Each structure stands twice: as structure tokens, then as C-alpha cells.
Amino acid sequence: MNSVPESAWAKSSYSSGEGGECVEVASWLGATHVRDSKDKAGPTVSLTPGAWAEFIGFAAQHNA
């Protein structure tokens, strides 16, 4: 597995910095990687561009 450099990660604009659910994403080597911003050494999810686009479309339709 390729390590994603710290400089590639960006915190979600929905992350308030007050705790709770915070995610970071990074585009690296043809995939989108997602991790918990409070556990940067923890697991990540890696998605193909198509899977990421489907997820974003789903999230946009179900935004509360």
C-alpha cells in the first residue's frame, strides 16, 4: 500500500473543529483516500474515481 503524504490531505469543509465527525480526503495516485481526522494513523478507505463520484452523488442527495 502506498503512503499518502500529509501534504495531500484536506479536512472536510463540514468539519467544524469542535469534535464529532471529521473526515479528511486526499487524491493520490489515481484514488481518493478518506480517513478520520482525529485518528490520522488509523485506517483509511481508498476509492476509485468512479466509486468516489457515486458516493458524492449519494451524499448530495441525502444531505440533511
PDB file of N, CA and C in Angstrom:
ATOM      1  N   MET A   1       0.837  -1.176   0.000  1.00  0.00           N
ATOM      2  CA  MET A   1       0.000   0.000   0.000  1.00  0.00           C
ATOM      3  C   MET A   1       0.886   1.244   0.000  1.00  0.00           C
ATOM      4  N   ASN A   2       0.556   2.209  -0.833  1.00  0.00           N
ATOM      5  CA  ASN A   2       1.322   3.444  -0.900  1.00  0.00           C
ATOM      6  C   ASN A   2       0.894   4.398   0.207  1.00  0.00           C
ATOM      7  N   SER A   3       1.851   5.021   0.840  1.00  0.00           N
ATOM      8  CA  SER A   3       1.537   6.015   1.857  1.00  0.00           C
ATOM      9  C   SER A   3       1.174   7.327   1.194  1.00  0.00           C
ATOM     10  N   VAL A   4       0.121   7.930   1.683  1.00  0.00           N
ATOM     11  CA  VAL A   4      -0.311   9.232   1.185  1.00  0.00           C
ATOM     12  C   VAL A   4       0.429  10.293   2.003  1.00  0.00           C
ATOM     13  N   PRO A   5       1.113  11.224   1.358  1.00  0.00           N
ATOM     14  CA  PRO A   5       1.836  12.250   2.131  1.00  0.00           C
ATOM     15  C   PRO A   5       0.872  13.174   2.883  1.00  0.00           C
ATOM     16  N   GLU A   6       1.292  13.635   4.027  1.00  0.00           N
ATOM     17  CA  GLU A   6       0.458  14.529   4.839  1.00  0.00           C
ATOM     18  C   GLU A   6       0.001  15.756   4.062  1.00  0.00           C
ATOM     19  N   SER A   7       0.844  16.236   3.161  1.00  0.00           N
ATOM     20  CA  SER A   7       0.507  17.447   2.405  1.00  0.00           C
ATOM     21  C   SER A   7      -0.664  17.226   1.446  1.00  0.00           C
ATOM     22  N   ALA A   8      -1.018  15.979   1.158  1.00  0.00           N
ATOM     23  CA  ALA A   8      -2.119  15.689   0.235  1.00  0.00           C
ATOM     24  C   ALA A   8      -3.484  15.718   0.918  1.00  0.00           C
ATOM     25  N   TRP A   9      -3.509  15.620   2.231  1.00  0.00           N
ATOM     26  CA  TRP A   9      -4.775  15.536   2.969  1.00  0.00           C
ATOM     27  C   TRP A   9      -5.408  16.906   3.160  1.00  0.00           C
ATOM     28  N   ALA A  10      -6.739  16.943   3.058  1.00  0.00           N
ATOM     29  CA  ALA A  10      -7.506  18.178   3.301  1.00  0.00           C
ATOM     30  C   ALA A  10      -8.715  17.826   4.153  1.00  0.00           C
ATOM     31  N   LYS A  11      -8.958  18.637   5.177  1.00  0.00           N
ATOM     32  CA  LYS A  11     -10.099  18.407   6.057  1.00  0.00           C
ATOM     33  C   LYS A  11     -11.380  18.841   5.359  1.00  0.00           C
ATOM     34  N   SER A  12     -12.427  18.102   5.579  1.00  0.00           N
ATOM     35  CA  SER A  12     -13.727  18.423   5.004  1.00  0.00           C
ATOM     36  C   SER A  12     -14.179  19.809   5.433  1.00  0.00           C
ATOM     37  N   SER A  13     -14.819  20.515   4.515  1.00  0.00           N
ATOM     38  CA  SER A  13     -15.342  21.845   4.857  1.00  0.00           C
ATOM     39  C   SER A  13     -16.481  21.743   5.860  1.00  0.00           C
ATOM     40  N   TYR A  14     -17.048  20.563   6.037  1.00  0.00           N
ATOM     41  CA  TYR A  14     -18.105  20.357   7.031  1.00  0.00           C
ATOM     42  C   TYR A  14     -17.546  20.080   8.416  1.00  0.00           C
ATOM     43  N   SER A  15     -16.243  19.887   8.547  1.00  0.00           N
ATOM     44  CA  SER A  15     -15.626  19.654   9.847  1.00  0.00           C
ATOM     45  C   SER A  15     -15.490  20.986  10.567  1.00  0.00           C
ATOM     46  N   SER A  16     -16.116  21.070  11.726  1.00  0.00           N
ATOM     47  CA  SER A  16     -16.159  22.347  12.438  1.00  0.00           C
ATOM     48  C   SER A  16     -14.968  22.571  13.355  1.00  0.00           C
ATOM     49  N   GLY A  17     -14.240  21.523  13.687  1.00  0.00           N
ATOM     50  CA  GLY A  17     -13.139  21.666  14.635  1.00  0.00           C
ATOM     51  C   GLY A  17     -13.595  21.562  16.072  1.00  0.00           C
ATOM     52  N   GLU A  18     -14.893  21.309  16.283  1.00  0.00           N
ATOM     53  CA  GLU A  18     -15.444  21.199  17.635  1.00  0.00           C
ATOM     54  C   GLU A  18     -15.618  19.750  18.068  1.00  0.00           C
ATOM     55  N   GLY A  19     -14.966  18.821  17.399  1.00  0.00           N
ATOM     56  CA  GLY A  19     -15.122  17.409  17.717  1.00  0.00           C
ATOM     57  C   GLY A  19     -16.209  16.793  16.854  1.00  0.00           C
ATOM     58  N   GLY A  20     -16.599  15.581  17.181  1.00  0.00           N
ATOM     59  CA  GLY A  20     -17.630  14.906  16.402  1.00  0.00           C
ATOM     60  C   GLY A  20     -17.053  14.264  15.159  1.00  0.00           C
ATOM     61  N   GLU A  21     -17.864  14.188  14.118  1.00  0.00           N
ATOM     62  CA  GLU A  21     -17.449  13.521  12.887  1.00  0.00           C
ATOM     63  C   GLU A  21     -16.629  14.450  12.013  1.00  0.00           C
ATOM     64  N   CYS A  22     -15.386  14.130  11.837  1.00  0.00           N
ATOM     65  CA  CYS A  22     -14.491  14.915  10.981  1.00  0.00           C
ATOM     66  C   CYS A  22     -13.736  13.966  10.066  1.00  0.00           C
ATOM     67  N   VAL A  23     -13.733  14.276   8.791  1.00  0.00           N
ATOM     68  CA  VAL A  23     -13.004  13.446   7.847  1.00  0.00           C
ATOM     69  C   VAL A  23     -12.031  14.290   7.049  1.00  0.00           C
ATOM     70  N   GLU A  24     -11.007  13.621   6.544  1.00  0.00           N
ATOM     71  CA  GLU A  24     -10.048  14.224   5.630  1.00  0.00           C
ATOM     72  C   GLU A  24     -10.014  13.371   4.375  1.00  0.00           C
ATOM     73  N   VAL A  25      -9.791  14.017   3.244  1.00  0.00           N
ATOM     74  CA  VAL A  25      -9.687  13.304   1.977  1.00  0.00           C
ATOM     75  C   VAL A  25      -8.396  13.701   1.285  1.00  0.00           C
ATOM     76  N   ALA A  26      -7.914  12.794   0.450  1.00  0.00           N
ATOM     77  CA  ALA A  26      -6.713  13.064  -0.336  1.00  0.00           C
ATOM     78  C   ALA A  26      -6.845  12.359  -1.680  1.00  0.00           C
ATOM     79  N   SER A  27      -6.524  13.054  -2.734  1.00  0.00           N
ATOM     80  CA  SER A  27      -6.412  12.433  -4.052  1.00  0.00           C
ATOM     81  C   SER A  27      -4.942  12.108  -4.257  1.00  0.00           C
ATOM     82  N   TRP A  28      -4.656  10.828  -4.447  1.00  0.00           N
ATOM     83  CA  TRP A  28      -3.263  10.410  -4.552  1.00  0.00           C
ATOM     84  C   TRP A  28      -3.176   9.139  -5.381  1.00  0.00           C
ATOM     85  N   LEU A  29      -2.346   9.152  -6.373  1.00  0.00           N
ATOM     86  CA  LEU A  29      -2.068   8.011  -7.227  1.00  0.00           C
ATOM     87  C   LEU A  29      -3.343   7.386  -7.799  1.00  0.00           C
ATOM     88  N   GLY A  30      -4.230   8.236  -8.310  1.00  0.00           N
ATOM     89  CA  GLY A  30      -5.414   7.759  -9.007  1.00  0.00           C
ATOM     90  C   GLY A  30      -6.557   7.286  -8.141  1.00  0.00           C
ATOM     91  N   ALA A  31      -6.507   7.571  -6.844  1.00  0.00           N
ATOM     92  CA  ALA A  31      -7.586   7.168  -5.938  1.00  0.00           C
ATOM     93  C   ALA A  31      -7.903   8.305  -4.981  1.00  0.00           C
ATOM     94  N   THR A  32      -9.081   8.233  -4.376  1.00  0.00           N
ATOM     95  CA  THR A  32      -9.438   9.165  -3.313  1.00  0.00           C
ATOM     96  C   THR A  32      -9.381   8.391  -2.007  1.00  0.00           C
ATOM     97  N   HIS A  33      -8.654   8.924  -1.057  1.00  0.00           N
ATOM     98  CA  HIS A  33      -8.452   8.283   0.239  1.00  0.00           C
ATOM     99  C   HIS A  33      -9.202   9.090   1.294  1.00  0.00           C
ATOM    100  N   VAL A  34      -9.816   8.391   2.250  1.00  0.00           N
ATOM    101  CA  VAL A  34     -10.610   9.023   3.294  1.00  0.00           C
ATOM    102  C   VAL A  34     -10.128   8.491   4.638  1.00  0.00           C
ATOM    103  N   ARG A  35     -10.005   9.411   5.619  1.00  0.00           N
ATOM    104  CA  ARG A  35      -9.602   8.988   6.966  1.00  0.00           C
ATOM    105  C   ARG A  35     -10.285   9.866   8.006  1.00  0.00           C
ATOM    106  N   ASP A  36     -10.266   9.401   9.227  1.00  0.00           N
ATOM    107  CA  ASP A  36     -10.786  10.153  10.379  1.00  0.00           C
ATOM    108  C   ASP A  36      -9.732  11.189  10.759  1.00  0.00           C
ATOM    109  N   SER A  37     -10.103  12.447  10.779  1.00  0.00           N
ATOM    110  CA  SER A  37      -9.120  13.495  11.080  1.00  0.00           C
ATOM    111  C   SER A  37      -8.617  13.446  12.512  1.00  0.00           C
ATOM    112  N   LYS A  38      -9.352  12.750  13.392  1.00  0.00           N
ATOM    113  CA  LYS A  38      -8.917  12.637  14.783  1.00  0.00           C
ATOM    114  C   LYS A  38      -8.004  11.428  15.005  1.00  0.00           C
ATOM    115  N   ASP A  39      -7.877  10.561  13.993  1.00  0.00           N
ATOM    116  CA  ASP A  39      -7.056   9.360  14.102  1.00  0.00           C
ATOM    117  C   ASP A  39      -6.244   9.209  12.820  1.00  0.00           C
ATOM    118  N   LYS A  40      -5.329  10.115  12.617  1.00  0.00           N
ATOM    119  CA  LYS A  40      -4.567  10.168  11.366  1.00  0.00           C
ATOM    120  C   LYS A  40      -3.724   8.935  11.121  1.00  0.00           C
ATOM    121  N   ALA A  41      -3.365   8.208  12.155  1.00  0.00           N
ATOM    122  CA  ALA A  41      -2.580   6.987  11.984  1.00  0.00           C
ATOM    123  C   ALA A  41      -3.477   5.763  11.813  1.00  0.00           C
ATOM    124  N   GLY A  42      -4.779   5.970  11.926  1.00  0.00           N
ATOM    125  CA  GLY A  42      -5.728   4.874  11.825  1.00  0.00           C
ATOM    126  C   GLY A  42      -5.976   4.443  10.390  1.00  0.00           C
ATOM    127  N   PRO A  43      -6.984   3.627  10.195  1.00  0.00           N
ATOM    128  CA  PRO A  43      -7.269   3.088   8.867  1.00  0.00           C
ATOM    129  C   PRO A  43      -7.763   4.155   7.897  1.00  0.00           C
ATOM    130  N   THR A  44      -7.582   3.879   6.623  1.00  0.00           N
ATOM    131  CA  THR A  44      -8.102   4.734   5.563  1.00  0.00           C
ATOM    132  C   THR A  44      -8.941   3.884   4.619  1.00  0.00           C
ATOM    133  N   VAL A  45      -9.823   4.551   3.904  1.00  0.00           N
ATOM    134  CA  VAL A  45     -10.602   3.914   2.849  1.00  0.00           C
ATOM    135  C   VAL A  45     -10.115   4.508   1.547  1.00  0.00           C
ATOM    136  N   SER A  46      -9.821   3.660   0.575  1.00  0.00           N
ATOM    137  CA  SER A  46      -9.363   4.119  -0.740  1.00  0.00           C
ATOM    138  C   SER A  46     -10.424   3.771  -1.768  1.00  0.00           C
ATOM    139  N   LEU A  47     -10.826   4.775  -2.549  1.00  0.00           N
ATOM    140  CA  LEU A  47     -11.895   4.607  -3.529  1.00  0.00           C
ATOM    141  C   LEU A  47     -11.412   4.959  -4.924  1.00  0.00           C
ATOM    142  N   THR A  48     -11.913   4.220  -5.903  1.00  0.00           N
ATOM    143  CA  THR A  48     -11.635   4.567  -7.295  1.00  0.00           C
ATOM    144  C   THR A  48     -12.355   5.876  -7.613  1.00  0.00           C
ATOM    145  N   PRO A  49     -11.963   6.558  -8.673  1.00  0.00           N
ATOM    146  CA  PRO A  49     -12.664   7.796  -9.043  1.00  0.00           C
ATOM    147  C   PRO A  49     -14.174   7.578  -9.252  1.00  0.00           C
ATOM    148  N   GLY A  50     -14.558   6.463  -9.861  1.00  0.00           N
ATOM    149  CA  GLY A  50     -15.979   6.188 -10.072  1.00  0.00           C
ATOM    150  C   GLY A  50     -16.738   5.971  -8.778  1.00  0.00           C
ATOM    151  N   ALA A  51     -16.144   5.221  -7.848  1.00  0.00           N
ATOM    152  CA  ALA A  51     -16.782   4.978  -6.558  1.00  0.00           C
ATOM    153  C   ALA A  51     -16.899   6.272  -5.756  1.00  0.00           C
ATOM    154  N   TRP A  52     -15.884   7.118  -5.811  1.00  0.00           N
ATOM    155  CA  TRP A  52     -15.933   8.408  -5.108  1.00  0.00           C
ATOM    156  C   TRP A  52     -17.047   9.278  -5.692  1.00  0.00           C
ATOM    157  N   ALA A  53     -17.170   9.330  -7.007  1.00  0.00           N
ATOM    158  CA  ALA A  53     -18.219  10.127  -7.653  1.00  0.00           C
ATOM    159  C   ALA A  53     -19.602   9.624  -7.249  1.00  0.00           C
ATOM    160  N   GLU A  54     -19.783   8.304  -7.182  1.00  0.00           N
ATOM    161  CA  GLU A  54     -21.061   7.753  -6.744  1.00  0.00           C
ATOM    162  C   GLU A  54     -21.352   8.122  -5.295  1.00  0.00           C
ATOM    163  N   PHE A  55     -20.350   8.037  -4.443  1.00  0.00           N
ATOM    164  CA  PHE A  55     -20.534   8.402  -3.036  1.00  0.00           C
ATOM    165  C   PHE A  55     -20.925   9.870  -2.898  1.00  0.00           C
ATOM    166  N   ILE A  56     -20.235  10.750  -3.595  1.00  0.00           N
ATOM    167  CA  ILE A  56     -20.537  12.181  -3.515  1.00  0.00           C
ATOM    168  C   ILE A  56     -21.962  12.458  -4.012  1.00  0.00           C
ATOM    169  N   GLY A  57     -22.355  11.795  -5.100  1.00  0.00           N
ATOM    170  CA  GLY A  57     -23.710  11.956  -5.605  1.00  0.00           C
ATOM    171  C   GLY A  57     -24.748  11.497  -4.597  1.00  0.00           C
ATOM    172  N   PHE A  58     -24.508  10.357  -3.967  1.00  0.00           N
ATOM    173  CA  PHE A  58     -25.410   9.847  -2.935  1.00  0.00           C
ATOM    174  C   PHE A  58     -25.483  10.809  -1.747  1.00  0.00           C
ATOM    175  N   ALA A  59     -24.319  11.263  -1.280  1.00  0.00           N
ATOM    176  CA  ALA A  59     -24.291  12.169  -0.134  1.00  0.00           C
ATOM    177  C   ALA A  59     -25.015  13.474  -0.436  1.00  0.00           C
ATOM    178  N   ALA A  60     -24.870  13.991  -1.646  1.00  0.00           N
ATOM    179  CA  ALA A  60     -25.538  15.242  -2.020  1.00  0.00           C
ATOM    180  C   ALA A  60     -27.053  15.078  -2.007  1.00  0.00           C
ATOM    181  N   GLN A  61     -27.535  13.919  -2.395  1.00  0.00           N
ATOM    182  CA  GLN A  61     -28.977  13.685  -2.419  1.00  0.00           C
ATOM    183  C   GLN A  61     -29.546  13.455  -1.020  1.00  0.00           C
ATOM    184  N   HIS A  62     -28.699  13.017  -0.092  1.00  0.00           N
ATOM    185  CA  HIS A  62     -29.168  12.672   1.249  1.00  0.00           C
ATOM    186  C   HIS A  62     -28.627  13.615   2.312  1.00  0.00           C
ATOM    187  N   ASN A  63     -28.221  14.796   1.933  1.00  0.00           N
ATOM    188  CA  ASN A  63     -27.679  15.791   2.869  1.00  0.00           C
ATOM    189  C   ASN A  63     -28.812  16.299   3.755  1.00  0.00           C
ATOM    190  N   ALA A  64     -28.613  16.166   5.048  1.00  0.00           N
ATOM    191  CA  ALA A  64     -29.659  16.593   5.997  1.00  0.00           C
ATOM    192  C   ALA A  64     -29.561  18.063   6.328  1.00  0.00           C
TER     193      ALA A  64
END
